Amino acid sequence: MNVTLLHLGSLHPIEQALTLVLAFGPFAVLGIVVLVRRRHDRADEPAPKQAPEQAEGQRER
């Protein structure tokens, strides 16, 4: 018994779009999540402290 797989032709445009979304969508979502988390992490960081020399100079004024 010889089983031959037949090619069913090209994909419908909706099927092509769905294939692209399924293939690349998770990477796009991951990139967005990373960008948002980095933005939140930068907002949560405390402001850098001034050097003691600069702080003393500001007190004298």
PDB file of N, CA and C in Angstrom:
ATOM      1  N   MET A   1       0.852  -1.177   0.000  1.00  0.00           N
ATOM      2  CA  MET A   1       0.000   0.000   0.000  1.00  0.00           C
ATOM      3  C   MET A   1       0.897   1.238   0.000  1.00  0.00           C
ATOM      4  N   ASN A   2       0.739   2.059  -0.998  1.00  0.00           N
ATOM      5  CA  ASN A   2       1.565   3.256  -1.154  1.00  0.00           C
ATOM      6  C   ASN A   2       0.744   4.496  -0.767  1.00  0.00           C
ATOM      7  N   VAL A   3       1.203   5.184   0.293  1.00  0.00           N
ATOM      8  CA  VAL A   3       0.507   6.393   0.732  1.00  0.00           C
ATOM      9  C   VAL A   3       1.304   7.600   0.242  1.00  0.00           C
ATOM     10  N   THR A   4       0.668   8.405  -0.553  1.00  0.00           N
ATOM     11  CA  THR A   4       1.313   9.602  -1.074  1.00  0.00           C
ATOM     12  C   THR A   4       0.624  10.824  -0.482  1.00  0.00           C
ATOM     13  N   LEU A   5       1.425  11.702   0.137  1.00  0.00           N
ATOM     14  CA  LEU A   5       0.848  12.922   0.682  1.00  0.00           C
ATOM     15  C   LEU A   5       0.640  13.909  -0.456  1.00  0.00           C
ATOM     16  N   LEU A   6      -0.546  14.444  -0.529  1.00  0.00           N
ATOM     17  CA  LEU A   6      -0.872  15.372  -1.596  1.00  0.00           C
ATOM     18  C   LEU A   6      -0.764  16.804  -1.078  1.00  0.00           C
ATOM     19  N   HIS A   7      -0.249  17.667  -1.917  1.00  0.00           N
ATOM     20  CA  HIS A   7      -0.169  19.081  -1.579  1.00  0.00           C
ATOM     21  C   HIS A   7      -1.546  19.684  -1.852  1.00  0.00           C
ATOM     22  N   LEU A   8      -2.081  20.421  -0.872  1.00  0.00           N
ATOM     23  CA  LEU A   8      -3.432  20.953  -1.014  1.00  0.00           C
ATOM     24  C   LEU A   8      -3.461  22.341  -1.618  1.00  0.00           C
ATOM     25  N   GLY A   9      -2.328  22.872  -2.043  1.00  0.00           N
ATOM     26  CA  GLY A   9      -2.304  24.192  -2.650  1.00  0.00           C
ATOM     27  C   GLY A   9      -1.827  25.243  -1.662  1.00  0.00           C
ATOM     28  N   SER A  10      -1.861  26.488  -2.128  1.00  0.00           N
ATOM     29  CA  SER A  10      -1.384  27.575  -1.271  1.00  0.00           C
ATOM     30  C   SER A  10      -2.418  27.900  -0.197  1.00  0.00           C
ATOM     31  N   LEU A  11      -1.940  28.538   0.841  1.00  0.00           N
ATOM     32  CA  LEU A  11      -2.826  28.898   1.947  1.00  0.00           C
ATOM     33  C   LEU A  11      -3.669  30.111   1.585  1.00  0.00           C
ATOM     34  N   HIS A  12      -4.853  30.150   2.140  1.00  0.00           N
ATOM     35  CA  HIS A  12      -5.742  31.306   2.005  1.00  0.00           C
ATOM     36  C   HIS A  12      -5.081  32.480   2.735  1.00  0.00           C
ATOM     37  N   PRO A  13      -5.292  33.728   2.308  1.00  0.00           N
ATOM     38  CA  PRO A  13      -4.658  34.879   2.984  1.00  0.00           C
ATOM     39  C   PRO A  13      -4.928  34.932   4.491  1.00  0.00           C
ATOM     40  N   ILE A  14      -6.109  34.548   4.920  1.00  0.00           N
ATOM     41  CA  ILE A  14      -6.397  34.534   6.361  1.00  0.00           C
ATOM     42  C   ILE A  14      -5.545  33.468   7.048  1.00  0.00           C
ATOM     43  N   GLU A  15      -5.380  32.344   6.405  1.00  0.00           N
ATOM     44  CA  GLU A  15      -4.546  31.286   6.968  1.00  0.00           C
ATOM     45  C   GLU A  15      -3.080  31.721   7.030  1.00  0.00           C
ATOM     46  N   GLN A  16      -2.629  32.463   6.019  1.00  0.00           N
ATOM     47  CA  GLN A  16      -1.258  32.985   6.043  1.00  0.00           C
ATOM     48  C   GLN A  16      -1.073  33.955   7.206  1.00  0.00           C
ATOM     49  N   ALA A  17      -2.041  34.853   7.390  1.00  0.00           N
ATOM     50  CA  ALA A  17      -1.965  35.817   8.495  1.00  0.00           C
ATOM     51  C   ALA A  17      -1.974  35.097   9.842  1.00  0.00           C
ATOM     52  N   LEU A  18      -2.830  34.117   9.981  1.00  0.00           N
ATOM     53  CA  LEU A  18      -2.902  33.356  11.230  1.00  0.00           C
ATOM     54  C   LEU A  18      -1.590  32.626  11.504  1.00  0.00           C
ATOM     55  N   THR A  19      -0.986  32.078  10.470  1.00  0.00           N
ATOM     56  CA  THR A  19       0.302  31.387  10.623  1.00  0.00           C
ATOM     57  C   THR A  19       1.383  32.355  11.096  1.00  0.00           C
ATOM     58  N   LEU A  20       1.417  33.553  10.510  1.00  0.00           N
ATOM     59  CA  LEU A  20       2.405  34.557  10.927  1.00  0.00           C
ATOM     60  C   LEU A  20       2.177  35.011  12.365  1.00  0.00           C
ATOM     61  N   VAL A  21       0.910  35.217  12.739  1.00  0.00           N
ATOM     62  CA  VAL A  21       0.599  35.631  14.118  1.00  0.00           C
ATOM     63  C   VAL A  21       1.015  34.546  15.100  1.00  0.00           C
ATOM     64  N   LEU A  22       0.728  33.305  14.778  1.00  0.00           N
ATOM     65  CA  LEU A  22       1.099  32.211  15.674  1.00  0.00           C
ATOM     66  C   LEU A  22       2.611  32.022  15.748  1.00  0.00           C
ATOM     67  N   ALA A  23       3.312  32.322  14.657  1.00  0.00           N
ATOM     68  CA  ALA A  23       4.763  32.129  14.622  1.00  0.00           C
ATOM     69  C   ALA A  23       5.500  33.258  15.334  1.00  0.00           C
ATOM     70  N   PHE A  24       5.087  34.509  15.111  1.00  0.00           N
ATOM     71  CA  PHE A  24       5.844  35.657  15.619  1.00  0.00           C
ATOM     72  C   PHE A  24       5.148  36.407  16.740  1.00  0.00           C
ATOM     73  N   GLY A  25       3.884  36.159  16.962  1.00  0.00           N
ATOM     74  CA  GLY A  25       3.124  36.850  18.006  1.00  0.00           C
ATOM     75  C   GLY A  25       3.709  36.701  19.405  1.00  0.00           C
ATOM     76  N   PRO A  26       4.065  35.498  19.825  1.00  0.00           N
ATOM     77  CA  PRO A  26       4.621  35.348  21.178  1.00  0.00           C
ATOM     78  C   PRO A  26       5.900  36.166  21.392  1.00  0.00           C
ATOM     79  N   PHE A  27       6.733  36.294  20.362  1.00  0.00           N
ATOM     80  CA  PHE A  27       7.956  37.087  20.496  1.00  0.00           C
ATOM     81  C   PHE A  27       7.629  38.574  20.611  1.00  0.00           C
ATOM     82  N   ALA A  28       6.639  39.025  19.871  1.00  0.00           N
ATOM     83  CA  ALA A  28       6.220  40.428  19.958  1.00  0.00           C
ATOM     84  C   ALA A  28       5.661  40.727  21.349  1.00  0.00           C
ATOM     85  N   VAL A  29       4.835  39.837  21.864  1.00  0.00           N
ATOM     86  CA  VAL A  29       4.270  40.027  23.207  1.00  0.00           C
ATOM     87  C   VAL A  29       5.381  40.021  24.247  1.00  0.00           C
ATOM     88  N   LEU A  30       6.334  39.127  24.128  1.00  0.00           N
ATOM     89  CA  LEU A  30       7.451  39.074  25.066  1.00  0.00           C
ATOM     90  C   LEU A  30       8.253  40.369  25.032  1.00  0.00           C
ATOM     91  N   GLY A  31       8.512  40.905  23.848  1.00  0.00           N
ATOM     92  CA  GLY A  31       9.235  42.160  23.734  1.00  0.00           C
ATOM     93  C   GLY A  31       8.501  43.308  24.405  1.00  0.00           C
ATOM     94  N   ILE A  32       7.190  43.366  24.232  1.00  0.00           N
ATOM     95  CA  ILE A  32       6.387  44.418  24.865  1.00  0.00           C
ATOM     96  C   ILE A  32       6.428  44.284  26.381  1.00  0.00           C
ATOM     97  N   VAL A  33       6.314  43.060  26.875  1.00  0.00           N
ATOM     98  CA  VAL A  33       6.356  42.833  28.326  1.00  0.00           C
ATOM     99  C   VAL A  33       7.706  43.253  28.900  1.00  0.00           C
ATOM    100  N   VAL A  34       8.785  42.927  28.225  1.00  0.00           N
ATOM    101  CA  VAL A  34      10.126  43.302  28.700  1.00  0.00           C
ATOM    102  C   VAL A  34      10.260  44.818  28.748  1.00  0.00           C
ATOM    103  N   LEU A  35       9.803  45.520  27.705  1.00  0.00           N
ATOM    104  CA  LEU A  35       9.887  46.977  27.687  1.00  0.00           C
ATOM    105  C   LEU A  35       9.080  47.610  28.816  1.00  0.00           C
ATOM    106  N   VAL A  36       7.880  47.111  29.050  1.00  0.00           N
ATOM    107  CA  VAL A  36       7.031  47.666  30.109  1.00  0.00           C
ATOM    108  C   VAL A  36       7.645  47.411  31.473  1.00  0.00           C
ATOM    109  N   ARG A  37       8.162  46.204  31.696  1.00  0.00           N
ATOM    110  CA  ARG A  37       8.763  45.894  33.005  1.00  0.00           C
ATOM    111  C   ARG A  37      10.010  46.747  33.250  1.00  0.00           C
ATOM    112  N   ARG A  38      10.830  46.955  32.224  1.00  0.00           N
ATOM    113  CA  ARG A  38      12.015  47.802  32.391  1.00  0.00           C
ATOM    114  C   ARG A  38      11.612  49.225  32.736  1.00  0.00           C
ATOM    115  N   ARG A  39      10.570  49.723  32.096  1.00  0.00           N
ATOM    116  CA  ARG A  39      10.092  51.079  32.373  1.00  0.00           C
ATOM    117  C   ARG A  39       9.620  51.182  33.830  1.00  0.00           C
ATOM    118  N   HIS A  40       8.893  50.154  34.307  1.00  0.00           N
ATOM    119  CA  HIS A  40       8.432  50.156  35.698  1.00  0.00           C
ATOM    120  C   HIS A  40       9.604  50.053  36.672  1.00  0.00           C
ATOM    121  N   ASP A  41      10.589  49.234  36.326  1.00  0.00           N
ATOM    122  CA  ASP A  41      11.754  49.083  37.207  1.00  0.00           C
ATOM    123  C   ASP A  41      12.540  50.384  37.304  1.00  0.00           C
ATOM    124  N   ARG A  42      12.688  51.104  36.178  1.00  0.00           N
ATOM    125  CA  ARG A  42      13.396  52.392  36.208  1.00  0.00           C
ATOM    126  C   ARG A  42      12.633  53.417  37.041  1.00  0.00           C
ATOM    127  N   ALA A  43      11.313  53.378  36.988  1.00  0.00           N
ATOM    128  CA  ALA A  43      10.497  54.323  37.754  1.00  0.00           C
ATOM    129  C   ALA A  43      10.577  54.023  39.250  1.00  0.00           C
ATOM    130  N   ASP A  44      10.780  52.763  39.619  1.00  0.00           N
ATOM    131  CA  ASP A  44      10.834  52.377  41.034  1.00  0.00           C
ATOM    132  C   ASP A  44      12.186  52.616  41.681  1.00  0.00           C
ATOM    133  N   GLU A  45      13.235  52.822  40.874  1.00  0.00           N
ATOM    134  CA  GLU A  45      14.568  53.028  41.436  1.00  0.00           C
ATOM    135  C   GLU A  45      14.636  54.371  42.144  1.00  0.00           C
ATOM    136  N   PRO A  46      15.296  54.421  43.308  1.00  0.00           N
ATOM    137  CA  PRO A  46      15.450  55.713  43.987  1.00  0.00           C
ATOM    138  C   PRO A  46      16.399  56.617  43.200  1.00  0.00           C
ATOM    139  N   ALA A  47      16.256  57.926  43.407  1.00  0.00           N
ATOM    140  CA  ALA A  47      17.131  58.876  42.732  1.00  0.00           C
ATOM    141  C   ALA A  47      18.554  58.685  43.244  1.00  0.00           C
ATOM    142  N   PRO A  48      19.553  58.861  42.388  1.00  0.00           N
ATOM    143  CA  PRO A  48      20.940  58.693  42.844  1.00  0.00           C
ATOM    144  C   PRO A  48      21.287  59.756  43.887  1.00  0.00           C
ATOM    145  N   LYS A  49      22.036  59.330  44.895  1.00  0.00           N
ATOM    146  CA  LYS A  49      22.438  60.250  45.958  1.00  0.00           C
ATOM    147  C   LYS A  49      23.550  61.152  45.458  1.00  0.00           C
ATOM    148  N   GLN A  50      23.584  62.377  45.987  1.00  0.00           N
ATOM    149  CA  GLN A  50      24.631  63.311  45.609  1.00  0.00           C
ATOM    150  C   GLN A  50      25.907  62.973  46.368  1.00  0.00           C
ATOM    151  N   ALA A  51      27.019  63.339  45.774  1.00  0.00           N
ATOM    152  CA  ALA A  51      28.304  63.143  46.444  1.00  0.00           C
ATOM    153  C   ALA A  51      28.352  64.071  47.660  1.00  0.00           C
ATOM    154  N   PRO A  52      29.037  63.682  48.745  1.00  0.00           N
ATOM    155  CA  PRO A  52      29.084  64.509  49.957  1.00  0.00           C
ATOM    156  C   PRO A  52      29.637  65.913  49.694  1.00  0.00           C
ATOM    157  N   GLU A  53      30.592  66.048  48.783  1.00  0.00           N
ATOM    158  CA  GLU A  53      31.170  67.365  48.498  1.00  0.00           C
ATOM    159  C   GLU A  53      30.116  68.288  47.901  1.00  0.00           C
ATOM    160  N   GLN A  54      29.293  67.776  47.031  1.00  0.00           N
ATOM    161  CA  GLN A  54      28.260  68.600  46.408  1.00  0.00           C
ATOM    162  C   GLN A  54      27.196  68.969  47.432  1.00  0.00           C
ATOM    163  N   ALA A  55      26.843  68.056  48.290  1.00  0.00           N
ATOM    164  CA  ALA A  55      25.820  68.327  49.299  1.00  0.00           C
ATOM    165  C   ALA A  55      26.293  69.406  50.266  1.00  0.00           C
ATOM    166  N   GLU A  56      27.561  69.387  50.681  1.00  0.00           N
ATOM    167  CA  GLU A  56      28.086  70.389  51.610  1.00  0.00           C
ATOM    168  C   GLU A  56      28.121  71.767  50.948  1.00  0.00           C
ATOM    169  N   GLY A  57      28.474  71.812  49.688  1.00  0.00           N
ATOM    170  CA  GLY A  57      28.526  73.066  48.962  1.00  0.00           C
ATOM    171  C   GLY A  57      27.147  73.696  48.837  1.00  0.00           C
ATOM    172  N   GLN A  58      26.136  72.888  48.730  1.00  0.00           N
ATOM    173  CA  GLN A  58      24.778  73.423  48.609  1.00  0.00           C
ATOM    174  C   GLN A  58      24.286  73.937  49.953  1.00  0.00           C
ATOM    175  N   ARG A  59      24.729  73.380  51.056  1.00  0.00           N
ATOM    176  CA  ARG A  59      24.297  73.826  52.388  1.00  0.00           C
ATOM    177  C   ARG A  59      24.830  75.216  52.709  1.00  0.00           C
ATOM    178  N   GLU A  60      26.012  75.533  52.210  1.00  0.00           N
ATOM    179  CA  GLU A  60      26.629  76.809  52.527  1.00  0.00           C
ATOM    180  C   GLU A  60      25.922  77.973  51.849  1.00  0.00           C
ATOM    181  N   ARG A  61      25.252  77.743  50.778  1.00  0.00           N
ATOM    182  CA  ARG A  61      24.590  78.839  50.038  1.00  0.00           C
ATOM    183  C   ARG A  61      23.400  79.350  50.715  1.00  0.00           C
TER     184      ARG A  61
END
